[in-house]
PDB file of N, CA and C in Angstrom:
ATOM      1  N   MET A   1       0.825  -1.196   0.000  1.00  0.00           N
ATOM      2  CA  MET A   1       0.000   0.000   0.000  1.00  0.00           C
ATOM      3  C   MET A   1       0.869   1.260   0.000  1.00  0.00           C
ATOM      4  N   MET A   2       1.957   1.250   0.750  1.00  0.00           N
ATOM      5  CA  MET A   2       2.812   2.434   0.814  1.00  0.00           C
ATOM      6  C   MET A   2       3.577   2.642  -0.494  1.00  0.00           C
ATOM      7  N   TRP A   3       3.951   1.556  -1.165  1.00  0.00           N
ATOM      8  CA  TRP A   3       4.646   1.707  -2.438  1.00  0.00           C
ATOM      9  C   TRP A   3       3.699   2.259  -3.496  1.00  0.00           C
ATOM     10  N   ARG A   4       2.415   1.947  -3.359  1.00  0.00           N
ATOM     11  CA  ARG A   4       1.415   2.518  -4.269  1.00  0.00           C
ATOM     12  C   ARG A   4       1.341   4.038  -4.047  1.00  0.00           C
ATOM     13  N   LEU A   5       1.348   4.449  -2.792  1.00  0.00           N
ATOM     14  CA  LEU A   5       1.353   5.875  -2.483  1.00  0.00           C
ATOM     15  C   LEU A   5       2.598   6.534  -3.066  1.00  0.00           C
ATOM     16  N   PHE A   6       3.744   5.903  -2.890  1.00  0.00           N
ATOM     17  CA  PHE A   6       4.995   6.443  -3.423  1.00  0.00           C
ATOM     18  C   PHE A   6       4.897   6.614  -4.936  1.00  0.00           C
ATOM     19  N   ALA A   7       4.379   5.602  -5.620  1.00  0.00           N
ATOM     20  CA  ALA A   7       4.254   5.662  -7.077  1.00  0.00           C
ATOM     21  C   ALA A   7       3.287   6.768  -7.505  1.00  0.00           C
ATOM     22  N   LEU A   8       2.157   6.874  -6.817  1.00  0.00           N
ATOM     23  CA  LEU A   8       1.178   7.911  -7.150  1.00  0.00           C
ATOM     24  C   LEU A   8       1.761   9.314  -6.952  1.00  0.00           C
ATOM     25  N   VAL A   9       2.446   9.513  -5.840  1.00  0.00           N
ATOM     26  CA  VAL A   9       3.038  10.833  -5.584  1.00  0.00           C
ATOM     27  C   VAL A   9       4.173  11.101  -6.573  1.00  0.00           C
ATOM     28  N   ALA A  10       4.913  10.077  -6.954  1.00  0.00           N
ATOM     29  CA  ALA A  10       5.973  10.272  -7.953  1.00  0.00           C
ATOM     30  C   ALA A  10       5.373  10.739  -9.283  1.00  0.00           C
ATOM     31  N   VAL A  11       4.274  10.134  -9.699  1.00  0.00           N
ATOM     32  CA  VAL A  11       3.617  10.550 -10.939  1.00  0.00           C
ATOM     33  C   VAL A  11       3.055  11.968 -10.779  1.00  0.00           C
ATOM     34  N   GLN A  12       2.422  12.227  -9.639  1.00  0.00           N
ATOM     35  CA  GLN A  12       1.836  13.547  -9.390  1.00  0.00           C
ATOM     36  C   GLN A  12       2.910  14.634  -9.405  1.00  0.00           C
ATOM     37  N   THR A  13       4.024  14.386  -8.741  1.00  0.00           N
ATOM     38  CA  THR A  13       5.084  15.401  -8.705  1.00  0.00           C
ATOM     39  C   THR A  13       5.793  15.517 -10.053  1.00  0.00           C
ATOM     40  N   ALA A  14       5.819  14.442 -10.834  1.00  0.00           N
ATOM     41  CA  ALA A  14       6.386  14.532 -12.184  1.00  0.00           C
ATOM     42  C   ALA A  14       5.543  15.480 -13.038  1.00  0.00           C
ATOM     43  N   PHE A  15       4.217  15.364 -12.934  1.00  0.00           N
ATOM     44  CA  PHE A  15       3.345  16.293 -13.669  1.00  0.00           C
ATOM     45  C   PHE A  15       3.502  17.720 -13.142  1.00  0.00           C
ATOM     46  N   LEU A  16       3.609  17.859 -11.835  1.00  0.00           N
ATOM     47  CA  LEU A  16       3.784  19.182 -11.232  1.00  0.00           C
ATOM     48  C   LEU A  16       5.090  19.823 -11.707  1.00  0.00           C
ATOM     49  N   SER A  17       6.153  19.059 -11.683  1.00  0.00           N
ATOM     50  CA  SER A  17       7.455  19.562 -12.140  1.00  0.00           C
ATOM     51  C   SER A  17       7.440  19.822 -13.645  1.00  0.00           C
ATOM     52  N   GLY A  18       6.769  18.952 -14.380  1.00  0.00           N
ATOM     53  CA  GLY A  18       6.642  19.160 -15.819  1.00  0.00           C
ATOM     54  C   GLY A  18       5.947  20.474 -16.124  1.00  0.00           C
ATOM     55  N   GLY A  19       4.920  20.781 -15.348  1.00  0.00           N
ATOM     56  CA  GLY A  19       4.237  22.060 -15.519  1.00  0.00           C
ATOM     57  C   GLY A  19       5.172  23.228 -15.306  1.00  0.00           C
ATOM     58  N   GLN A  20       6.042  23.116 -14.320  1.00  0.00           N
ATOM     59  CA  GLN A  20       7.016  24.187 -14.060  1.00  0.00           C
ATOM     60  C   GLN A  20       8.009  24.322 -15.215  1.00  0.00           C
ATOM     61  N   VAL A  21       8.421  23.195 -15.781  1.00  0.00           N
ATOM     62  CA  VAL A  21       9.342  23.218 -16.924  1.00  0.00           C
ATOM     63  C   VAL A  21       8.661  23.896 -18.114  1.00  0.00           C
ATOM     64  N   PHE A  22       7.412  23.510 -18.400  1.00  0.00           N
ATOM     65  CA  PHE A  22       6.683  24.132 -19.507  1.00  0.00           C
ATOM     66  C   PHE A  22       6.503  25.633 -19.272  1.00  0.00           C
ATOM     67  N   LEU A  23       6.261  26.011 -18.019  1.00  0.00           N
ATOM     68  CA  LEU A  23       6.103  27.429 -17.691  1.00  0.00           C
ATOM     69  C   LEU A  23       7.395  28.198 -17.953  1.00  0.00           C
ATOM     70  N   LYS A  24       8.521  27.632 -17.554  1.00  0.00           N
ATOM     71  CA  LYS A  24       9.815  28.299 -17.792  1.00  0.00           C
ATOM     72  C   LYS A  24      10.099  28.402 -19.289  1.00  0.00           C
ATOM     73  N   LEU A  25       9.814  27.338 -20.037  1.00  0.00           N
ATOM     74  CA  LEU A  25      10.019  27.376 -21.484  1.00  0.00           C
ATOM     75  C   LEU A  25       9.154  28.462 -22.128  1.00  0.00           C
ATOM     76  N   ALA A  26       7.918  28.578 -21.671  1.00  0.00           N
ATOM     77  CA  ALA A  26       7.015  29.609 -22.203  1.00  0.00           C
ATOM     78  C   ALA A  26       7.526  30.998 -21.868  1.00  0.00           C
ATOM     79  N   MET A  27       7.968  31.196 -20.642  1.00  0.00           N
ATOM     80  CA  MET A  27       8.430  32.517 -20.234  1.00  0.00           C
ATOM     81  C   MET A  27       9.702  32.928 -20.961  1.00  0.00           C
ATOM     82  N   GLU A  28      10.560  31.963 -21.246  1.00  0.00           N
ATOM     83  CA  GLU A  28      11.775  32.271 -22.003  1.00  0.00           C
ATOM     84  C   GLU A  28      11.434  32.718 -23.421  1.00  0.00           C
ATOM     85  N   LYS A  29      10.393  32.134 -23.984  1.00  0.00           N
ATOM     86  CA  LYS A  29       9.999  32.439 -25.352  1.00  0.00           C
ATOM     87  C   LYS A  29       9.215  33.750 -25.464  1.00  0.00           C
ATOM     88  N   LEU A  30       8.425  34.067 -24.443  1.00  0.00           N
ATOM     89  CA  LEU A  30       7.512  35.210 -24.538  1.00  0.00           C
ATOM     90  C   LEU A  30       8.195  36.575 -24.480  1.00  0.00           C
ATOM     91  N   GLY A  31       9.328  36.646 -23.870  1.00  0.00           N
ATOM     92  CA  GLY A  31      10.002  37.931 -23.808  1.00  0.00           C
ATOM     93  C   GLY A  31       9.459  38.821 -22.701  1.00  0.00           C
ATOM     94  N   ARG A  32       9.630  40.129 -22.884  1.00  0.00           N
ATOM     95  CA  ARG A  32       9.285  41.118 -21.861  1.00  0.00           C
ATOM     96  C   ARG A  32       7.777  41.178 -21.626  1.00  0.00           C
ATOM     97  N   PHE A  33       7.383  41.248 -20.353  1.00  0.00           N
ATOM     98  CA  PHE A  33       5.970  41.344 -19.980  1.00  0.00           C
ATOM     99  C   PHE A  33       5.414  42.711 -20.351  1.00  0.00           C
ATOM    100  N   GLU A  34       4.202  42.723 -20.904  1.00  0.00           N
ATOM    101  CA  GLU A  34       3.517  43.974 -21.250  1.00  0.00           C
ATOM    102  C   GLU A  34       2.051  43.872 -20.874  1.00  0.00           C
ATOM    103  N   TRP A  35       1.459  44.996 -20.505  1.00  0.00           N
ATOM    104  CA  TRP A  35       0.026  45.066 -20.229  1.00  0.00           C
ATOM    105  C   TRP A  35      -0.678  45.458 -21.527  1.00  0.00           C
ATOM    106  N   SER A  36      -0.710  44.538 -22.484  1.00  0.00           N
ATOM    107  CA  SER A  36      -1.356  44.842 -23.757  1.00  0.00           C
ATOM    108  C   SER A  36      -2.138  43.627 -24.242  1.00  0.00           C
ATOM    109  N   TRP A  37      -3.142  43.880 -25.059  1.00  0.00           N
ATOM    110  CA  TRP A  37      -3.951  42.788 -25.603  1.00  0.00           C
ATOM    111  C   TRP A  37      -3.085  41.864 -26.456  1.00  0.00           C
ATOM    112  N   ALA A  38      -2.183  42.432 -27.242  1.00  0.00           N
ATOM    113  CA  ALA A  38      -1.314  41.622 -28.105  1.00  0.00           C
ATOM    114  C   ALA A  38      -0.481  40.642 -27.270  1.00  0.00           C
ATOM    115  N   TYR A  39       0.047  41.134 -26.156  1.00  0.00           N
ATOM    116  CA  TYR A  39       0.850  40.261 -25.299  1.00  0.00           C
ATOM    117  C   TYR A  39      -0.011  39.135 -24.732  1.00  0.00           C
ATOM    118  N   PHE A  40      -1.188  39.472 -24.208  1.00  0.00           N
ATOM    119  CA  PHE A  40      -2.038  38.448 -23.602  1.00  0.00           C
ATOM    120  C   PHE A  40      -2.603  37.489 -24.641  1.00  0.00           C
ATOM    121  N   LYS A  41      -2.800  37.962 -25.862  1.00  0.00           N
ATOM    122  CA  LYS A  41      -3.220  37.068 -26.948  1.00  0.00           C
ATOM    123  C   LYS A  41      -2.117  36.044 -27.216  1.00  0.00           C
ATOM    124  N   THR A  42      -0.873  36.512 -27.212  1.00  0.00           N
ATOM    125  CA  THR A  42       0.265  35.609 -27.381  1.00  0.00           C
ATOM    126  C   THR A  42       0.322  34.601 -26.235  1.00  0.00           C
ATOM    127  N   VAL A  43       0.106  35.080 -25.016  1.00  0.00           N
ATOM    128  CA  VAL A  43       0.120  34.193 -23.844  1.00  0.00           C
ATOM    129  C   VAL A  43      -0.970  33.140 -23.949  1.00  0.00           C
ATOM    130  N   LEU A  44      -2.178  33.557 -24.321  1.00  0.00           N
ATOM    131  CA  LEU A  44      -3.322  32.645 -24.361  1.00  0.00           C
ATOM    132  C   LEU A  44      -3.234  31.617 -25.484  1.00  0.00           C
ATOM    133  N   THR A  45      -2.387  31.862 -26.467  1.00  0.00           N
ATOM    134  CA  THR A  45      -2.256  30.916 -27.575  1.00  0.00           C
ATOM    135  C   THR A  45      -0.915  30.183 -27.572  1.00  0.00           C
ATOM    136  N   ASP A  46      -0.191  30.281 -26.488  1.00  0.00           N
ATOM    137  CA  ASP A  46       1.126  29.641 -26.397  1.00  0.00           C
ATOM    138  C   ASP A  46       0.985  28.160 -26.032  1.00  0.00           C
ATOM    139  N   TRP A  47       1.580  27.301 -26.828  1.00  0.00           N
ATOM    140  CA  TRP A  47       1.472  25.854 -26.608  1.00  0.00           C
ATOM    141  C   TRP A  47       2.191  25.407 -25.340  1.00  0.00           C
ATOM    142  N   TRP A  48       3.304  26.061 -24.994  1.00  0.00           N
ATOM    143  CA  TRP A  48       4.011  25.706 -23.765  1.00  0.00           C
ATOM    144  C   TRP A  48       3.140  25.996 -22.548  1.00  0.00           C
ATOM    145  N   LEU A  49       2.412  27.118 -22.585  1.00  0.00           N
ATOM    146  CA  LEU A  49       1.525  27.444 -21.469  1.00  0.00           C
ATOM    147  C   LEU A  49       0.330  26.501 -21.409  1.00  0.00           C
ATOM    148  N   LEU A  50      -0.152  26.069 -22.563  1.00  0.00           N
ATOM    149  CA  LEU A  50      -1.224  25.070 -22.576  1.00  0.00           C
ATOM    150  C   LEU A  50      -0.734  23.769 -21.939  1.00  0.00           C
ATOM    151  N   ALA A  51       0.470  23.344 -22.327  1.00  0.00           N
ATOM    152  CA  ALA A  51       1.049  22.134 -21.733  1.00  0.00           C
ATOM    153  C   ALA A  51       1.236  22.313 -20.224  1.00  0.00           C
ATOM    154  N   CYS A  52       1.639  23.507 -19.811  1.00  0.00           N
ATOM    155  CA  CYS A  52       1.798  23.826 -18.392  1.00  0.00           C
ATOM    156  C   CYS A  52       0.463  23.646 -17.662  1.00  0.00           C
ATOM    157  N   GLY A  53      -0.589  24.252 -18.191  1.00  0.00           N
ATOM    158  CA  GLY A  53      -1.907  24.149 -17.566  1.00  0.00           C
ATOM    159  C   GLY A  53      -2.412  22.721 -17.497  1.00  0.00           C
ATOM    160  N   LEU A  54      -2.202  21.967 -18.561  1.00  0.00           N
ATOM    161  CA  LEU A  54      -2.626  20.565 -18.557  1.00  0.00           C
ATOM    162  C   LEU A  54      -1.854  19.753 -17.522  1.00  0.00           C
ATOM    163  N   SER A  55      -0.554  19.995 -17.436  1.00  0.00           N
ATOM    164  CA  SER A  55       0.263  19.284 -16.447  1.00  0.00           C
ATOM    165  C   SER A  55      -0.185  19.612 -15.029  1.00  0.00           C
ATOM    166  N   PHE A  56      -0.407  20.895 -14.764  1.00  0.00           N
ATOM    167  CA  PHE A  56      -0.884  21.291 -13.439  1.00  0.00           C
ATOM    168  C   PHE A  56      -2.262  20.693 -13.148  1.00  0.00           C
ATOM    169  N   GLY A  57      -3.111  20.634 -14.166  1.00  0.00           N
ATOM    170  CA  GLY A  57      -4.444  20.054 -13.995  1.00  0.00           C
ATOM    171  C   GLY A  57      -4.388  18.584 -13.626  1.00  0.00           C
ATOM    172  N   VAL A  58      -3.570  17.824 -14.346  1.00  0.00           N
ATOM    173  CA  VAL A  58      -3.418  16.394 -14.042  1.00  0.00           C
ATOM    174  C   VAL A  58      -2.833  16.216 -12.643  1.00  0.00           C
ATOM    175  N   ALA A  59      -1.823  17.021 -12.313  1.00  0.00           N
ATOM    176  CA  ALA A  59      -1.204  16.941 -10.981  1.00  0.00           C
ATOM    177  C   ALA A  59      -2.228  17.222  -9.894  1.00  0.00           C
ATOM    178  N   THR A  60      -3.104  18.190 -10.126  1.00  0.00           N
ATOM    179  CA  THR A  60      -4.113  18.540  -9.129  1.00  0.00           C
ATOM    180  C   THR A  60      -5.124  17.427  -8.941  1.00  0.00           C
ATOM    181  N   VAL A  61      -5.588  16.837 -10.028  1.00  0.00           N
ATOM    182  CA  VAL A  61      -6.553  15.734  -9.924  1.00  0.00           C
ATOM    183  C   VAL A  61      -5.927  14.546  -9.194  1.00  0.00           C
ATOM    184  N   LEU A  62      -4.697  14.216  -9.521  1.00  0.00           N
ATOM    185  CA  LEU A  62      -4.004  13.134  -8.805  1.00  0.00           C
ATOM    186  C   LEU A  62      -3.854  13.456  -7.329  1.00  0.00           C
ATOM    187  N   TRP A  63      -3.527  14.712  -7.020  1.00  0.00           N
ATOM    188  CA  TRP A  63      -3.351  15.116  -5.629  1.00  0.00           C
ATOM    189  C   TRP A  63      -4.665  15.006  -4.859  1.00  0.00           C
ATOM    190  N   LEU A  64      -5.766  15.366  -5.506  1.00  0.00           N
ATOM    191  CA  LEU A  64      -7.077  15.215  -4.860  1.00  0.00           C
ATOM    192  C   LEU A  64      -7.338  13.757  -4.507  1.00  0.00           C
ATOM    193  N   TYR A  65      -7.015  12.857  -5.427  1.00  0.00           N
ATOM    194  CA  TYR A  65      -7.189  11.427  -5.177  1.00  0.00           C
ATOM    195  C   TYR A  65      -6.298  10.969  -4.018  1.00  0.00           C
ATOM    196  N   ILE A  66      -5.049  11.394  -4.047  1.00  0.00           N
ATOM    197  CA  ILE A  66      -4.100  11.007  -2.995  1.00  0.00           C
ATOM    198  C   ILE A  66      -4.576  11.502  -1.633  1.00  0.00           C
ATOM    199  N   LEU A  67      -5.021  12.754  -1.564  1.00  0.00           N
ATOM    200  CA  LEU A  67      -5.492  13.308  -0.292  1.00  0.00           C
ATOM    201  C   LEU A  67      -6.711  12.564   0.237  1.00  0.00           C
ATOM    202  N   LYS A  68      -7.567  12.119  -0.656  1.00  0.00           N
ATOM    203  CA  LYS A  68      -8.773  11.394  -0.248  1.00  0.00           C
ATOM    204  C   LYS A  68      -8.430   9.999   0.286  1.00  0.00           C
ATOM    205  N   LYS A  69      -7.440   9.377  -0.299  1.00  0.00           N
ATOM    206  CA  LYS A  69      -7.167   7.964  -0.026  1.00  0.00           C
ATOM    207  C   LYS A  69      -6.092   7.706   1.038  1.00  0.00           C
ATOM    208  N   TYR A  70      -5.156   8.636   1.230  1.00  0.00           N
ATOM    209  CA  TYR A  70      -3.998   8.373   2.089  1.00  0.00           C
ATOM    210  C   TYR A  70      -3.876   9.412   3.198  1.00  0.00           C
ATOM    211  N   PRO A  71      -3.209   9.047   4.295  1.00  0.00           N
ATOM    212  CA  PRO A  71      -2.988  10.012   5.378  1.00  0.00           C
ATOM    213  C   PRO A  71      -2.089  11.159   4.911  1.00  0.00           C
ATOM    214  N   PHE A  72      -2.449  12.356   5.308  1.00  0.00           N
ATOM    215  CA  PHE A  72      -1.714  13.552   4.921  1.00  0.00           C
ATOM    216  C   PHE A  72      -0.271  13.512   5.411  1.00  0.00           C
ATOM    217  N   ASN A  73      -0.063  12.949   6.618  1.00  0.00           N
ATOM    218  CA  ASN A  73       1.293  12.931   7.188  1.00  0.00           C
ATOM    219  C   ASN A  73       2.228  12.010   6.419  1.00  0.00           C
ATOM    220  N   GLN A  74       1.686  11.146   5.592  1.00  0.00           N
ATOM    221  CA  GLN A  74       2.526  10.303   4.741  1.00  0.00           C
ATOM    222  C   GLN A  74       2.619  10.879   3.328  1.00  0.00           C
ATOM    223  N   ALA A  75       1.505  11.391   2.829  1.00  0.00           N
ATOM    224  CA  ALA A  75       1.472  11.858   1.441  1.00  0.00           C
ATOM    225  C   ALA A  75       2.253  13.164   1.240  1.00  0.00           C
ATOM    226  N   TYR A  76       2.001  14.133   2.095  1.00  0.00           N
ATOM    227  CA  TYR A  76       2.582  15.457   1.852  1.00  0.00           C
ATOM    228  C   TYR A  76       4.114  15.468   1.849  1.00  0.00           C
ATOM    229  N   PRO A  77       4.788  14.820   2.793  1.00  0.00           N
ATOM    230  CA  PRO A  77       6.257  14.850   2.743  1.00  0.00           C
ATOM    231  C   PRO A  77       6.835  14.241   1.459  1.00  0.00           C
ATOM    232  N   LEU A  78       6.085  13.334   0.841  1.00  0.00           N
ATOM    233  CA  LEU A  78       6.575  12.712  -0.387  1.00  0.00           C
ATOM    234  C   LEU A  78       6.595  13.683  -1.563  1.00  0.00           C
ATOM    235  N   THR A  79       5.909  14.814  -1.436  1.00  0.00           N
ATOM    236  CA  THR A  79       5.952  15.795  -2.525  1.00  0.00           C
ATOM    237  C   THR A  79       7.351  16.392  -2.675  1.00  0.00           C
ATOM    238  N   ALA A  80       8.237  16.095  -1.746  1.00  0.00           N
ATOM    239  CA  ALA A  80       9.639  16.502  -1.891  1.00  0.00           C
ATOM    240  C   ALA A  80      10.267  15.864  -3.129  1.00  0.00           C
ATOM    241  N   LEU A  81       9.610  14.840  -3.678  1.00  0.00           N
ATOM    242  CA  LEU A  81      10.102  14.246  -4.921  1.00  0.00           C
ATOM    243  C   LEU A  81      10.113  15.259  -6.063  1.00  0.00           C
ATOM    244  N   ALA A  82       9.334  16.328  -5.939  1.00  0.00           N
ATOM    245  CA  ALA A  82       9.350  17.381  -6.957  1.00  0.00           C
ATOM    246  C   ALA A  82      10.753  17.969  -7.095  1.00  0.00           C
ATOM    247  N   TYR A  83      11.507  18.025  -5.998  1.00  0.00           N
ATOM    248  CA  TYR A  83      12.883  18.514  -6.068  1.00  0.00           C
ATOM    249  C   TYR A  83      13.724  17.625  -6.980  1.00  0.00           C
ATOM    250  N   VAL A  84      13.481  16.329  -6.922  1.00  0.00           N
ATOM    251  CA  VAL A  84      14.223  15.379  -7.763  1.00  0.00           C
ATOM    252  C   VAL A  84      13.932  15.664  -9.227  1.00  0.00           C
ATOM    253  N   PHE A  85      12.642  15.727  -9.568  1.00  0.00           N
ATOM    254  CA  PHE A  85      12.275  15.959 -10.963  1.00  0.00           C
ATOM    255  C   PHE A  85      12.726  17.346 -11.438  1.00  0.00           C
ATOM    256  N   GLY A  86      12.633  18.318 -10.574  1.00  0.00           N
ATOM    257  CA  GLY A  86      13.049  19.668 -10.936  1.00  0.00           C
ATOM    258  C   GLY A  86      14.531  19.753 -11.237  1.00  0.00           C
ATOM    259  N   MET A  87      15.338  19.112 -10.412  1.00  0.00           N
ATOM    260  CA  MET A  87      16.779  19.185 -10.624  1.00  0.00           C
ATOM    261  C   MET A  87      17.184  18.390 -11.861  1.00  0.00           C
ATOM    262  N   ILE A  88      16.551  17.257 -12.085  1.00  0.00           N
ATOM    263  CA  ILE A  88      16.854  16.479 -13.291  1.00  0.00           C
ATOM    264  C   ILE A  88      16.461  17.276 -14.535  1.00  0.00           C
ATOM    265  N   ALA A  89      15.324  17.968 -14.481  1.00  0.00           N
ATOM    266  CA  ALA A  89      14.897  18.804 -15.610  1.00  0.00           C
ATOM    267  C   ALA A  89      15.873  19.964 -15.825  1.00  0.00           C
ATOM    268  N   ALA A  90      16.346  20.567 -14.737  1.00  0.00           N
ATOM    269  CA  ALA A  90      17.312  21.659 -14.859  1.00  0.00           C
ATOM    270  C   ALA A  90      18.560  21.174 -15.591  1.00  0.00           C
ATOM    271  N   TRP A  91      18.961  19.970 -15.304  1.00  0.00           N
ATOM    272  CA  TRP A  91      20.150  19.385 -15.910  1.00  0.00           C
ATOM    273  C   TRP A  91      19.905  18.974 -17.367  1.00  0.00           C
ATOM    274  N   LEU A  92      18.808  18.205 -17.599  1.00  0.00           N
ATOM    275  CA  LEU A  92      18.558  17.652 -18.927  1.00  0.00           C
ATOM    276  C   LEU A  92      17.930  18.649 -19.910  1.00  0.00           C
ATOM    277  N   VAL A  93      16.950  19.417 -19.445  1.00  0.00           N
ATOM    278  CA  VAL A  93      16.211  20.303 -20.355  1.00  0.00           C
ATOM    279  C   VAL A  93      16.922  21.640 -20.542  1.00  0.00           C
ATOM    280  N   PHE A  94      17.409  22.204 -19.436  1.00  0.00           N
ATOM    281  CA  PHE A  94      17.987  23.548 -19.507  1.00  0.00           C
ATOM    282  C   PHE A  94      19.510  23.554 -19.526  1.00  0.00           C
ATOM    283  N   GLY A  95      20.127  22.371 -19.417  1.00  0.00           N
ATOM    284  CA  GLY A  95      21.578  22.269 -19.501  1.00  0.00           C
ATOM    285  C   GLY A  95      22.316  22.940 -18.362  1.00  0.00           C
ATOM    286  N   GLU A  96      21.669  23.047 -17.214  1.00  0.00           N
ATOM    287  CA  GLU A  96      22.299  23.705 -16.072  1.00  0.00           C
ATOM    288  C   GLU A  96      23.337  22.792 -15.428  1.00  0.00           C
ATOM    289  N   ASN A  97      24.370  23.397 -14.898  1.00  0.00           N
ATOM    290  CA  ASN A  97      25.408  22.657 -14.188  1.00  0.00           C
ATOM    291  C   ASN A  97      24.945  22.440 -12.745  1.00  0.00           C
ATOM    292  N   ILE A  98      24.965  21.196 -12.315  1.00  0.00           N
ATOM    293  CA  ILE A  98      24.527  20.856 -10.961  1.00  0.00           C
ATOM    294  C   ILE A  98      25.758  20.435 -10.157  1.00  0.00           C
ATOM    295  N   PRO A  99      26.117  21.175  -9.119  1.00  0.00           N
ATOM    296  CA  PRO A  99      27.270  20.795  -8.290  1.00  0.00           C
ATOM    297  C   PRO A  99      27.035  19.449  -7.586  1.00  0.00           C
ATOM    298  N   PHE A 100      28.116  18.758  -7.344  1.00  0.00           N
ATOM    299  CA  PHE A 100      28.058  17.433  -6.721  1.00  0.00           C
ATOM    300  C   PHE A 100      27.322  17.453  -5.381  1.00  0.00           C
ATOM    301  N   VAL A 101      27.517  18.495  -4.608  1.00  0.00           N
ATOM    302  CA  VAL A 101      26.891  18.571  -3.287  1.00  0.00           C
ATOM    303  C   VAL A 101      25.355  18.583  -3.413  1.00  0.00           C
ATOM    304  N   ARG A 102      24.833  19.152  -4.503  1.00  0.00           N
ATOM    305  CA  ARG A 102      23.372  19.128  -4.704  1.00  0.00           C
ATOM    306  C   ARG A 102      22.874  17.732  -5.037  1.00  0.00           C
ATOM    307  N   TRP A 103      23.696  16.956  -5.764  1.00  0.00           N
ATOM    308  CA  TRP A 103      23.319  15.561  -6.043  1.00  0.00           C
ATOM    309  C   TRP A 103      23.262  14.771  -4.732  1.00  0.00           C
ATOM    310  N   ILE A 104      24.182  15.073  -3.831  1.00  0.00           N
ATOM    311  CA  ILE A 104      24.145  14.423  -2.517  1.00  0.00           C
ATOM    312  C   ILE A 104      22.866  14.824  -1.783  1.00  0.00           C
ATOM    313  N   GLY A 105      22.536  16.089  -1.809  1.00  0.00           N
ATOM    314  CA  GLY A 105      21.294  16.562  -1.188  1.00  0.00           C
ATOM    315  C   GLY A 105      20.075  15.883  -1.782  1.00  0.00           C
ATOM    316  N   LEU A 106      20.084  15.709  -3.086  1.00  0.00           N
ATOM    317  CA  LEU A 106      18.972  15.036  -3.757  1.00  0.00           C
ATOM    318  C   LEU A 106      18.858  13.582  -3.306  1.00  0.00           C
ATOM    319  N   ALA A 107      19.991  12.925  -3.168  1.00  0.00           N
ATOM    320  CA  ALA A 107      19.987  11.538  -2.684  1.00  0.00           C
ATOM    321  C   ALA A 107      19.410  11.471  -1.268  1.00  0.00           C
ATOM    322  N   LEU A 108      19.712  12.464  -0.454  1.00  0.00           N
ATOM    323  CA  LEU A 108      19.158  12.507   0.903  1.00  0.00           C
ATOM    324  C   LEU A 108      17.638  12.730   0.885  1.00  0.00           C
ATOM    325  N   VAL A 109      17.162  13.535  -0.048  1.00  0.00           N
ATOM    326  CA  VAL A 109      15.710  13.732  -0.190  1.00  0.00           C
ATOM    327  C   VAL A 109      15.046  12.401  -0.534  1.00  0.00           C
ATOM    328  N   VAL A 110      15.618  11.680  -1.482  1.00  0.00           N
ATOM    329  CA  VAL A 110      15.056  10.377  -1.876  1.00  0.00           C
ATOM    330  C   VAL A 110      15.104   9.406  -0.700  1.00  0.00           C
ATOM    331  N   LEU A 111      16.210   9.404   0.035  1.00  0.00           N
ATOM    332  CA  LEU A 111      16.319   8.549   1.225  1.00  0.00           C
ATOM    333  C   LEU A 111      15.256   8.912   2.231  1.00  0.00           C
ATOM    334  N   GLY A 112      15.034  10.189   2.450  1.00  0.00           N
ATOM    335  CA  GLY A 112      13.994  10.624   3.380  1.00  0.00           C
ATOM    336  C   GLY A 112      12.610  10.163   2.940  1.00  0.00           C
ATOM    337  N   CYS A 113      12.340  10.225   1.658  1.00  0.00           N
ATOM    338  CA  CYS A 113      11.049   9.750   1.136  1.00  0.00           C
ATOM    339  C   CYS A 113      10.902   8.244   1.348  1.00  0.00           C
ATOM    340  N   MET A 114      11.981   7.519   1.163  1.00  0.00           N
ATOM    341  CA  MET A 114      11.937   6.054   1.379  1.00  0.00           C
ATOM    342  C   MET A 114      11.656   5.753   2.861  1.00  0.00           C
ATOM    343  N   LEU A 115      12.235   6.529   3.763  1.00  0.00           N
ATOM    344  CA  LEU A 115      11.984   6.317   5.187  1.00  0.00           C
ATOM    345  C   LEU A 115      10.529   6.628   5.553  1.00  0.00           C
ATOM    346  N   ILE A 116       9.938   7.605   4.891  1.00  0.00           N
ATOM    347  CA  ILE A 116       8.548   7.963   5.174  1.00  0.00           C
ATOM    348  C   ILE A 116       7.591   6.845   4.805  1.00  0.00           C
ATOM    349  N   ILE A 117       7.872   6.143   3.710  1.00  0.00           N
ATOM    350  CA  ILE A 117       6.940   5.080   3.307  1.00  0.00           C
ATOM    351  C   ILE A 117       7.155   3.761   4.025  1.00  0.00           C
ATOM    352  N   ARG A 118       8.192   3.660   4.813  1.00  0.00           N
ATOM    353  CA  ARG A 118       8.441   2.412   5.560  1.00  0.00           C
ATOM    354  C   ARG A 118       7.589   2.315   6.792  1.00  0.00           C
TER     355      ARG A 118
END
């Protein structure tokens, strides 16, 4: 039962992190913010922002299911898995350099999540 919770939260946080990646990609493409109809028309028709909204939507529906089915004290700490997906995305998608000490920190986050489900 706990491994099912871990898997569900991993999928939920993957969608949540994916939404953040899509949001960053959209913001990089959109350029300078303006209070104009043309700018908001561009925002409303941006595919990266659509993907962002869909990812956040799926993450929210999964989170609602998780909250209904599992104890909050077990489910919520597992959302720290978002840090794992976020850092991997920073490395793979955005080509950011990740110092070794952060990889150690990430391993500790994963270890902490494993201890929570035991």
